[in-house]
Amino acid sequence: MPVRPATWADLKPAARIAALAFWEDEFLGEALHPHRAKHPKSFQRSFLHDLYENFLDARTRIMVSYPDDQPDRITGMAVWSRMGDGGKHMEASQSWLHWLMSRCIIPIYITIDAFVRPNRAADSAAWRDMENSDAAVEEYLEKPDYKESWGLELLFQAPQYQGRGFGKDLVAWGLARAKQEGVRVSVASAPGKEGFYRKLGIDEEVEETPENGQKNPFLGSLLFSKKFDKVVTTRGELLLVPNNETASETGKIEDHPFYLHHDS
């Protein structure tokens, strides 16, 4: 199924899809937004605010999936963020207008909107617990061997398109970028979803422990793909192999599944 970069016009319909996709979710739905049935617009608006910030974040790339014959119809979305020094380079290359929008205008808008229309669907105590869990994940992502990665921040699909491969293709985009740059993919999986990511090669599980020693029960596993190293052959083609393999172990270079030409 095809994927493309999200546009600003995609964000509002994507927020509606996210609210539907996570309505019954134990974490984003039940735990963080227990009052969403009384305040469904607040629940949807919380996703929209996050998407506004992510869209303008220089480190972040938002991809959407769509049916082959309907490129304007969103079926799912993935929010990818470049961790480590690679993300810092992306921030340094942004224009001053982009910086102004992302650091000033949109944050001010969201702050005012949240004051005028507070998130009445949310549980503030649960949000504080989530922030503690996020701190543990961020601490692990600072470790040298895991610092450089493309992190999957959010993945969702419209309920009517579940099981059609859109989610797999959205994850494949991040894997391709990680392979091009010779880094890992990271994802904090929801409970019970680990198998989906492991099948795609994101199968290295690490144990993260919050400062208070209590892991958030609504979070599953912190998973990483293998780290990919770039190998340039004498003919100039680019080969990307996991760091526990060598080019000679893969047989013919052209037969390797991660073999790419420079114009790929």
C-alpha atoms as a PDB file:
ATOM      1  CA  MET A   1       0.000   0.000   0.000  1.00  0.00           C
ATOM      2  CA  PRO A   2       1.370   3.469  -0.842  1.00  0.00           C
ATOM      3  CA  VAL A   3       2.520   6.037   1.714  1.00  0.00           C
ATOM      4  CA  ARG A   4       3.352   9.728   1.328  1.00  0.00           C
ATOM      5  CA  PRO A   5       4.439  12.644   3.528  1.00  0.00           C
ATOM      6  CA  ALA A   6       1.574  14.246   5.425  1.00  0.00           C
ATOM      7  CA  THR A   7       0.384  17.744   4.558  1.00  0.00           C
ATOM      8  CA  TRP A   8      -1.039  20.356   6.923  1.00  0.00           C
ATOM      9  CA  ALA A   9      -4.493  19.627   5.497  1.00  0.00           C
ATOM     10  CA  ASP A  10      -4.129  15.977   6.557  1.00  0.00           C
ATOM     11  CA  LEU A  11      -3.814  16.777  10.262  1.00  0.00           C
ATOM     12  CA  LYS A  12      -7.457  17.422  11.173  1.00  0.00           C
ATOM     13  CA  PRO A  13      -8.808  14.274   9.491  1.00  0.00           C
ATOM     14  CA  ALA A  14      -5.872  12.351  10.965  1.00  0.00           C
ATOM     15  CA  ALA A  15      -6.792  13.551  14.466  1.00  0.00           C
ATOM     16  CA  ARG A  16     -10.334  12.253  13.947  1.00  0.00           C
ATOM     17  CA  ILE A  17      -8.963   8.890  12.819  1.00  0.00           C
ATOM     18  CA  ALA A  18      -6.624   8.766  15.820  1.00  0.00           C
ATOM     19  CA  ALA A  19      -9.518   9.407  18.208  1.00  0.00           C
ATOM     20  CA  LEU A  20     -11.434   6.519  16.635  1.00  0.00           C
ATOM     21  CA  ALA A  21      -8.407   4.224  16.560  1.00  0.00           C
ATOM     22  CA  PHE A  22      -7.512   4.801  20.221  1.00  0.00           C
ATOM     23  CA  TRP A  23     -11.042   5.080  21.621  1.00  0.00           C
ATOM     24  CA  GLU A  24     -10.847   1.646  23.280  1.00  0.00           C
ATOM     25  CA  ASP A  25      -7.088   1.714  23.855  1.00  0.00           C
ATOM     26  CA  GLU A  26      -6.160   0.881  27.452  1.00  0.00           C
ATOM     27  CA  PHE A  27      -3.480   3.543  27.637  1.00  0.00           C
ATOM     28  CA  LEU A  28      -4.331   6.515  25.410  1.00  0.00           C
ATOM     29  CA  GLY A  29      -8.056   5.933  25.840  1.00  0.00           C
ATOM     30  CA  GLU A  30      -8.918   4.426  29.221  1.00  0.00           C
ATOM     31  CA  ALA A  31      -5.930   5.575  31.296  1.00  0.00           C
ATOM     32  CA  LEU A  32      -5.111   9.027  29.930  1.00  0.00           C
ATOM     33  CA  HIS A  33      -8.592  10.058  28.749  1.00  0.00           C
ATOM     34  CA  PRO A  34     -11.162   8.347  30.998  1.00  0.00           C
ATOM     35  CA  HIS A  35     -13.724  11.122  30.369  1.00  0.00           C
ATOM     36  CA  ARG A  36     -13.593  10.949  26.572  1.00  0.00           C
ATOM     37  CA  ALA A  37     -17.200   9.725  26.291  1.00  0.00           C
ATOM     38  CA  LYS A  38     -18.389  12.979  27.895  1.00  0.00           C
ATOM     39  CA  HIS A  39     -15.862  15.122  26.038  1.00  0.00           C
ATOM     40  CA  PRO A  40     -15.093  13.449  22.690  1.00  0.00           C
ATOM     41  CA  LYS A  41     -13.995  16.713  21.057  1.00  0.00           C
ATOM     42  CA  SER A  42     -11.393  17.228  23.783  1.00  0.00           C
ATOM     43  CA  PHE A  43     -10.050  13.743  23.105  1.00  0.00           C
ATOM     44  CA  GLN A  44      -9.764  14.469  19.393  1.00  0.00           C
ATOM     45  CA  ARG A  45      -8.252  17.907  19.983  1.00  0.00           C
ATOM     46  CA  SER A  46      -5.464  16.405  22.118  1.00  0.00           C
ATOM     47  CA  PHE A  47      -4.299  14.432  19.078  1.00  0.00           C
ATOM     48  CA  LEU A  48      -4.588  17.494  16.851  1.00  0.00           C
ATOM     49  CA  HIS A  49      -2.388  19.585  19.153  1.00  0.00           C
ATOM     50  CA  ASP A  50       0.255  16.847  19.159  1.00  0.00           C
ATOM     51  CA  LEU A  51       0.135  16.563  15.371  1.00  0.00           C
ATOM     52  CA  TYR A  52       0.526  20.324  14.955  1.00  0.00           C
ATOM     53  CA  GLU A  53       3.688  20.224  17.063  1.00  0.00           C
ATOM     54  CA  ASN A  54       5.031  17.113  15.355  1.00  0.00           C
ATOM     55  CA  PHE A  55       4.382  18.473  11.869  1.00  0.00           C
ATOM     56  CA  LEU A  56       6.590  21.500  12.512  1.00  0.00           C
ATOM     57  CA  ASP A  57       9.267  19.657  14.499  1.00  0.00           C
ATOM     58  CA  ALA A  58      12.404  19.602  12.345  1.00  0.00           C
ATOM     59  CA  ARG A  59      13.326  16.151  13.688  1.00  0.00           C
ATOM     60  CA  THR A  60       9.968  14.631  12.814  1.00  0.00           C
ATOM     61  CA  ARG A  61       8.533  13.149   9.648  1.00  0.00           C
ATOM     62  CA  ILE A  62       4.843  12.262   9.444  1.00  0.00           C
ATOM     63  CA  MET A  63       3.787   9.705   6.861  1.00  0.00           C
ATOM     64  CA  VAL A  64       0.246   8.772   5.853  1.00  0.00           C
ATOM     65  CA  SER A  65      -1.073   5.719   4.023  1.00  0.00           C
ATOM     66  CA  TYR A  66      -3.861   5.829   1.454  1.00  0.00           C
ATOM     67  CA  PRO A  67      -5.689   3.574  -1.031  1.00  0.00           C
ATOM     68  CA  ASP A  68      -4.009   3.168  -4.417  1.00  0.00           C
ATOM     69  CA  ASP A  69      -6.694   5.120  -6.249  1.00  0.00           C
ATOM     70  CA  GLN A  70      -7.447   7.728  -3.536  1.00  0.00           C
ATOM     71  CA  PRO A  71      -4.287   9.627  -2.515  1.00  0.00           C
ATOM     72  CA  ASP A  72      -6.302  12.214  -0.560  1.00  0.00           C
ATOM     73  CA  ARG A  73      -8.056   9.601   1.595  1.00  0.00           C
ATOM     74  CA  ILE A  74      -6.048   8.845   4.745  1.00  0.00           C
ATOM     75  CA  THR A  75      -6.108   5.275   6.022  1.00  0.00           C
ATOM     76  CA  GLY A  76      -3.386   5.564   8.659  1.00  0.00           C
ATOM     77  CA  MET A  77      -0.485   7.623   9.954  1.00  0.00           C
ATOM     78  CA  ALA A  78       2.981   7.132  11.417  1.00  0.00           C
ATOM     79  CA  VAL A  79       4.911   9.798  13.318  1.00  0.00           C
ATOM     80  CA  TRP A  80       8.669   9.242  13.086  1.00  0.00           C
ATOM     81  CA  SER A  81      11.286  11.216  15.014  1.00  0.00           C
ATOM     82  CA  ARG A  82      15.041  11.194  14.383  1.00  0.00           C
ATOM     83  CA  MET A  83      16.887  10.666  17.652  1.00  0.00           C
ATOM     84  CA  GLY A  84      20.469  11.584  18.473  1.00  0.00           C
ATOM     85  CA  ASP A  85      22.922  13.712  16.529  1.00  0.00           C
ATOM     86  CA  GLY A  86      21.068  13.072  13.278  1.00  0.00           C
ATOM     87  CA  GLY A  87      18.059  14.864  14.730  1.00  0.00           C
ATOM     88  CA  LYS A  88      20.224  17.778  15.850  1.00  0.00           C
ATOM     89  CA  HIS A  89      21.531  18.166  12.299  1.00  0.00           C
ATOM     90  CA  MET A  90      17.952  18.250  11.012  1.00  0.00           C
ATOM     91  CA  GLU A  91      17.113  21.002  13.513  1.00  0.00           C
ATOM     92  CA  ALA A  92      20.166  23.014  12.526  1.00  0.00           C
ATOM     93  CA  SER A  93      19.172  22.960   8.853  1.00  0.00           C
ATOM     94  CA  GLN A  94      15.639  24.342   9.306  1.00  0.00           C
ATOM     95  CA  SER A  95      14.742  27.812   8.039  1.00  0.00           C
ATOM     96  CA  TRP A  96      14.159  30.727  10.393  1.00  0.00           C
ATOM     97  CA  LEU A  97      10.453  30.781   9.433  1.00  0.00           C
ATOM     98  CA  HIS A  98      10.141  27.089  10.263  1.00  0.00           C
ATOM     99  CA  TRP A  99      11.885  27.744  13.585  1.00  0.00           C
ATOM    100  CA  LEU A 100       9.547  30.657  14.359  1.00  0.00           C
ATOM    101  CA  MET A 101       6.460  28.575  13.614  1.00  0.00           C
ATOM    102  CA  SER A 102       7.614  25.537  15.595  1.00  0.00           C
ATOM    103  CA  ARG A 103       9.087  27.320  18.620  1.00  0.00           C
ATOM    104  CA  CYS A 104       6.807  30.340  18.974  1.00  0.00           C
ATOM    105  CA  ILE A 105       3.618  30.629  16.949  1.00  0.00           C
ATOM    106  CA  ILE A 106       2.211  27.096  17.226  1.00  0.00           C
ATOM    107  CA  PRO A 107       3.158  26.634  20.923  1.00  0.00           C
ATOM    108  CA  ILE A 108       1.478  29.944  21.764  1.00  0.00           C
ATOM    109  CA  TYR A 109      -1.621  28.931  19.805  1.00  0.00           C
ATOM    110  CA  ILE A 110      -1.798  25.546  21.550  1.00  0.00           C
ATOM    111  CA  THR A 111      -1.307  27.126  24.988  1.00  0.00           C
ATOM    112  CA  ILE A 112      -4.122  29.615  24.387  1.00  0.00           C
ATOM    113  CA  ASP A 113      -6.402  26.960  22.896  1.00  0.00           C
ATOM    114  CA  ALA A 114      -5.738  24.610  25.829  1.00  0.00           C
ATOM    115  CA  PHE A 115      -6.567  27.418  28.265  1.00  0.00           C
ATOM    116  CA  VAL A 116      -9.793  28.373  26.491  1.00  0.00           C
ATOM    117  CA  ARG A 117     -10.760  24.769  25.773  1.00  0.00           C
ATOM    118  CA  PRO A 118      -9.013  22.567  28.367  1.00  0.00           C
ATOM    119  CA  ASN A 119      -8.725  18.840  27.809  1.00  0.00           C
ATOM    120  CA  ARG A 120     -11.671  17.723  29.933  1.00  0.00           C
ATOM    121  CA  ALA A 121     -11.319  14.153  28.687  1.00  0.00           C
ATOM    122  CA  ALA A 122      -7.933  13.720  30.367  1.00  0.00           C
ATOM    123  CA  ASP A 123      -6.804  12.493  33.786  1.00  0.00           C
ATOM    124  CA  SER A 124      -4.002  14.819  34.918  1.00  0.00           C
ATOM    125  CA  ALA A 125      -2.550  12.305  37.395  1.00  0.00           C
ATOM    126  CA  ALA A 126      -2.258   9.671  34.672  1.00  0.00           C
ATOM    127  CA  TRP A 127      -0.477  12.175  32.445  1.00  0.00           C
ATOM    128  CA  ARG A 128       2.113  12.800  35.194  1.00  0.00           C
ATOM    129  CA  ASP A 129       2.708   9.047  35.508  1.00  0.00           C
ATOM    130  CA  MET A 130       3.186   8.838  31.756  1.00  0.00           C
ATOM    131  CA  GLU A 131       5.792  11.602  31.850  1.00  0.00           C
ATOM    132  CA  ASN A 132       7.772   9.613  34.434  1.00  0.00           C
ATOM    133  CA  SER A 133       7.700   6.576  32.142  1.00  0.00           C
ATOM    134  CA  ASP A 134       8.736   8.706  29.168  1.00  0.00           C
ATOM    135  CA  ALA A 135      11.747   9.918  31.157  1.00  0.00           C
ATOM    136  CA  ALA A 136      12.929   6.314  31.578  1.00  0.00           C
ATOM    137  CA  VAL A 137      12.641   5.675  27.845  1.00  0.00           C
ATOM    138  CA  GLU A 138      14.454   8.910  26.993  1.00  0.00           C
ATOM    139  CA  GLU A 139      17.247   7.996  29.409  1.00  0.00           C
ATOM    140  CA  TYR A 140      17.753   4.677  27.624  1.00  0.00           C
ATOM    141  CA  LEU A 141      17.785   6.413  24.254  1.00  0.00           C
ATOM    142  CA  GLU A 142      20.803   8.417  25.427  1.00  0.00           C
ATOM    143  CA  LYS A 143      22.939   5.275  25.759  1.00  0.00           C
ATOM    144  CA  PRO A 144      25.686   5.287  23.091  1.00  0.00           C
ATOM    145  CA  ASP A 145      24.633   2.099  21.320  1.00  0.00           C
ATOM    146  CA  TYR A 146      20.984   3.193  21.076  1.00  0.00           C
ATOM    147  CA  LYS A 147      21.306   6.961  20.722  1.00  0.00           C
ATOM    148  CA  GLU A 148      21.003   7.149  16.934  1.00  0.00           C
ATOM    149  CA  SER A 149      17.642   5.870  15.723  1.00  0.00           C
ATOM    150  CA  TRP A 150      14.420   6.651  13.941  1.00  0.00           C
ATOM    151  CA  GLY A 151      11.814   6.414  16.695  1.00  0.00           C
ATOM    152  CA  LEU A 152       8.210   5.496  15.954  1.00  0.00           C
ATOM    153  CA  GLU A 153       6.300   7.945  18.140  1.00  0.00           C
ATOM    154  CA  LEU A 154       2.776   7.084  17.015  1.00  0.00           C
ATOM    155  CA  LEU A 155       1.139   4.597  14.650  1.00  0.00           C
ATOM    156  CA  PHE A 156      -2.570   4.252  13.953  1.00  0.00           C
ATOM    157  CA  GLN A 157      -5.003   3.171  11.253  1.00  0.00           C
ATOM    158  CA  ALA A 158      -8.644   3.886  10.545  1.00  0.00           C
ATOM    159  CA  PRO A 159     -10.650   1.002  12.062  1.00  0.00           C
ATOM    160  CA  GLN A 160     -12.211   0.073   8.710  1.00  0.00           C
ATOM    161  CA  TYR A 161      -8.734  -0.397   7.192  1.00  0.00           C
ATOM    162  CA  GLN A 162      -7.294  -2.636   9.905  1.00  0.00           C
ATOM    163  CA  GLY A 163      -5.582  -5.772   8.637  1.00  0.00           C
ATOM    164  CA  ARG A 164      -4.937  -4.519   5.093  1.00  0.00           C
ATOM    165  CA  GLY A 165      -1.203  -3.911   5.428  1.00  0.00           C
ATOM    166  CA  PHE A 166      -1.238  -0.123   5.809  1.00  0.00           C
ATOM    167  CA  GLY A 167       0.447  -0.268   9.230  1.00  0.00           C
ATOM    168  CA  LYS A 168       3.206  -2.511   7.911  1.00  0.00           C
ATOM    169  CA  ASP A 169       3.947  -0.086   5.082  1.00  0.00           C
ATOM    170  CA  LEU A 170       4.072   2.878   7.456  1.00  0.00           C
ATOM    171  CA  VAL A 171       6.617   1.036   9.604  1.00  0.00           C
ATOM    172  CA  ALA A 172       8.558   0.020   6.489  1.00  0.00           C
ATOM    173  CA  TRP A 173       9.170   3.699   5.698  1.00  0.00           C
ATOM    174  CA  GLY A 174      11.026   4.174   8.993  1.00  0.00           C
ATOM    175  CA  LEU A 175      12.987   0.975   8.525  1.00  0.00           C
ATOM    176  CA  ALA A 176      14.077   2.160   5.079  1.00  0.00           C
ATOM    177  CA  ARG A 177      15.274   5.505   6.459  1.00  0.00           C
ATOM    178  CA  ALA A 178      17.152   3.778   9.272  1.00  0.00           C
ATOM    179  CA  LYS A 179      18.834   1.473   6.768  1.00  0.00           C
ATOM    180  CA  GLN A 180      19.821   4.400   4.552  1.00  0.00           C
ATOM    181  CA  GLU A 181      21.455   6.188   7.492  1.00  0.00           C
ATOM    182  CA  GLY A 182      22.964   3.136   9.181  1.00  0.00           C
ATOM    183  CA  VAL A 183      21.032   3.523  12.445  1.00  0.00           C
ATOM    184  CA  ARG A 184      18.355   1.651  14.386  1.00  0.00           C
ATOM    185  CA  VAL A 185      14.581   1.861  14.587  1.00  0.00           C
ATOM    186  CA  SER A 186      13.084   2.230  18.061  1.00  0.00           C
ATOM    187  CA  VAL A 187       9.516   1.877  19.301  1.00  0.00           C
ATOM    188  CA  ALA A 188       7.815   1.812  22.701  1.00  0.00           C
ATOM    189  CA  SER A 189       5.272  -0.873  21.907  1.00  0.00           C
ATOM    190  CA  ALA A 190       1.833  -1.088  23.460  1.00  0.00           C
ATOM    191  CA  PRO A 191       1.188  -4.307  25.412  1.00  0.00           C
ATOM    192  CA  GLY A 192       0.355  -7.179  23.091  1.00  0.00           C
ATOM    193  CA  LYS A 193       1.642  -5.389  19.978  1.00  0.00           C
ATOM    194  CA  GLU A 194       5.243  -6.544  20.278  1.00  0.00           C
ATOM    195  CA  GLY A 195       4.696  -9.443  17.874  1.00  0.00           C
ATOM    196  CA  PHE A 196       3.737  -7.074  15.052  1.00  0.00           C
ATOM    197  CA  TYR A 197       7.031  -5.197  15.346  1.00  0.00           C
ATOM    198  CA  ARG A 198       9.161  -8.302  15.871  1.00  0.00           C
ATOM    199  CA  LYS A 199       7.899  -9.732  12.582  1.00  0.00           C
ATOM    200  CA  LEU A 200       9.208  -6.597  10.874  1.00  0.00           C
ATOM    201  CA  GLY A 201      12.686  -6.962  12.370  1.00  0.00           C
ATOM    202  CA  ILE A 202      12.259  -4.629  15.352  1.00  0.00           C
ATOM    203  CA  ASP A 203      12.956  -7.434  17.771  1.00  0.00           C
ATOM    204  CA  GLU A 204      15.650  -6.405  20.249  1.00  0.00           C
ATOM    205  CA  GLU A 205      13.941  -5.807  23.593  1.00  0.00           C
ATOM    206  CA  VAL A 206      15.516  -3.743  26.358  1.00  0.00           C
ATOM    207  CA  GLU A 207      14.417  -3.197  29.927  1.00  0.00           C
ATOM    208  CA  GLU A 208      13.755   0.372  31.006  1.00  0.00           C
ATOM    209  CA  THR A 209      13.211   1.240  34.681  1.00  0.00           C
ATOM    210  CA  PRO A 210      11.757   4.589  35.807  1.00  0.00           C
ATOM    211  CA  GLU A 211      13.421   6.490  38.645  1.00  0.00           C
ATOM    212  CA  ASN A 212      10.660   5.440  41.032  1.00  0.00           C
ATOM    213  CA  GLY A 213      11.195   1.802  40.047  1.00  0.00           C
ATOM    214  CA  GLN A 214       7.608   1.394  38.852  1.00  0.00           C
ATOM    215  CA  LYS A 215       7.135   0.639  35.182  1.00  0.00           C
ATOM    216  CA  ASN A 216       3.975   1.959  33.574  1.00  0.00           C
ATOM    217  CA  PRO A 217       1.696  -1.113  33.273  1.00  0.00           C
ATOM    218  CA  PHE A 218       0.103   0.291  30.112  1.00  0.00           C
ATOM    219  CA  LEU A 219       3.400   0.357  28.227  1.00  0.00           C
ATOM    220  CA  GLY A 220       4.662  -2.814  26.617  1.00  0.00           C
ATOM    221  CA  SER A 221       8.267  -3.216  25.512  1.00  0.00           C
ATOM    222  CA  LEU A 222      10.967  -0.858  24.320  1.00  0.00           C
ATOM    223  CA  LEU A 223      12.086  -2.462  21.065  1.00  0.00           C
ATOM    224  CA  PHE A 224      14.938  -1.766  18.653  1.00  0.00           C
ATOM    225  CA  SER A 225      15.890  -3.066  15.264  1.00  0.00           C
ATOM    226  CA  LYS A 226      19.458  -4.138  14.664  1.00  0.00           C
ATOM    227  CA  LYS A 227      21.855  -1.339  13.895  1.00  0.00           C
ATOM    228  CA  PHE A 228      22.677  -1.105  10.200  1.00  0.00           C
ATOM    229  CA  ASP A 229      26.123  -0.177   8.951  1.00  0.00           C
ATOM    230  CA  LYS A 230      26.837   1.319   5.555  1.00  0.00           C
ATOM    231  CA  VAL A 231      29.242  -0.543   3.302  1.00  0.00           C
ATOM    232  CA  VAL A 232      30.318   1.039  -0.002  1.00  0.00           C
ATOM    233  CA  THR A 233      31.600  -1.395  -2.606  1.00  0.00           C
ATOM    234  CA  THR A 234      34.351  -0.700  -5.107  1.00  0.00           C
ATOM    235  CA  ARG A 235      31.712  -0.111  -7.793  1.00  0.00           C
ATOM    236  CA  GLY A 236      29.996   2.537  -5.719  1.00  0.00           C
ATOM    237  CA  GLU A 237      26.821   0.670  -4.806  1.00  0.00           C
ATOM    238  CA  LEU A 238      25.587   1.008  -1.253  1.00  0.00           C
ATOM    239  CA  LEU A 239      25.006  -2.070   0.860  1.00  0.00           C
ATOM    240  CA  LEU A 240      23.323  -1.879   4.236  1.00  0.00           C
ATOM    241  CA  VAL A 241      23.883  -4.814   6.555  1.00  0.00           C
ATOM    242  CA  PRO A 242      23.137  -5.401  10.250  1.00  0.00           C
ATOM    243  CA  ASN A 243      26.164  -4.799  12.456  1.00  0.00           C
ATOM    244  CA  ASN A 244      26.411  -8.495  13.309  1.00  0.00           C
ATOM    245  CA  GLU A 245      26.879  -9.468   9.641  1.00  0.00           C
ATOM    246  CA  THR A 246      29.536  -8.805   7.043  1.00  0.00           C
ATOM    247  CA  ALA A 247      29.164  -8.391   3.318  1.00  0.00           C
ATOM    248  CA  SER A 248      30.955 -11.680   2.712  1.00  0.00           C
ATOM    249  CA  GLU A 249      28.397 -13.549   4.825  1.00  0.00           C
ATOM    250  CA  THR A 250      25.538 -12.400   2.618  1.00  0.00           C
ATOM    251  CA  GLY A 251      26.760 -14.076  -0.563  1.00  0.00           C
ATOM    252  CA  LYS A 252      26.473 -11.948  -3.711  1.00  0.00           C
ATOM    253  CA  ILE A 253      26.044  -8.303  -2.826  1.00  0.00           C
ATOM    254  CA  GLU A 254      23.299  -7.858  -5.419  1.00  0.00           C
ATOM    255  CA  ASP A 255      21.272 -10.640  -3.750  1.00  0.00           C
ATOM    256  CA  HIS A 256      21.267  -9.017  -0.332  1.00  0.00           C
ATOM    257  CA  PRO A 257      17.752  -7.810   0.615  1.00  0.00           C
ATOM    258  CA  PHE A 258      19.123  -4.436   1.714  1.00  0.00           C
ATOM    259  CA  TYR A 259      21.182  -3.836  -1.423  1.00  0.00           C
ATOM    260  CA  LEU A 260      20.572  -0.351  -2.805  1.00  0.00           C
ATOM    261  CA  HIS A 261      21.903   1.729  -5.656  1.00  0.00           C
ATOM    262  CA  HIS A 262      22.823   5.346  -4.948  1.00  0.00           C
ATOM    263  CA  ASP A 263      19.693   6.543  -6.739  1.00  0.00           C
ATOM    264  CA  SER A 264      17.360   4.409  -4.544  1.00  0.00           C
END
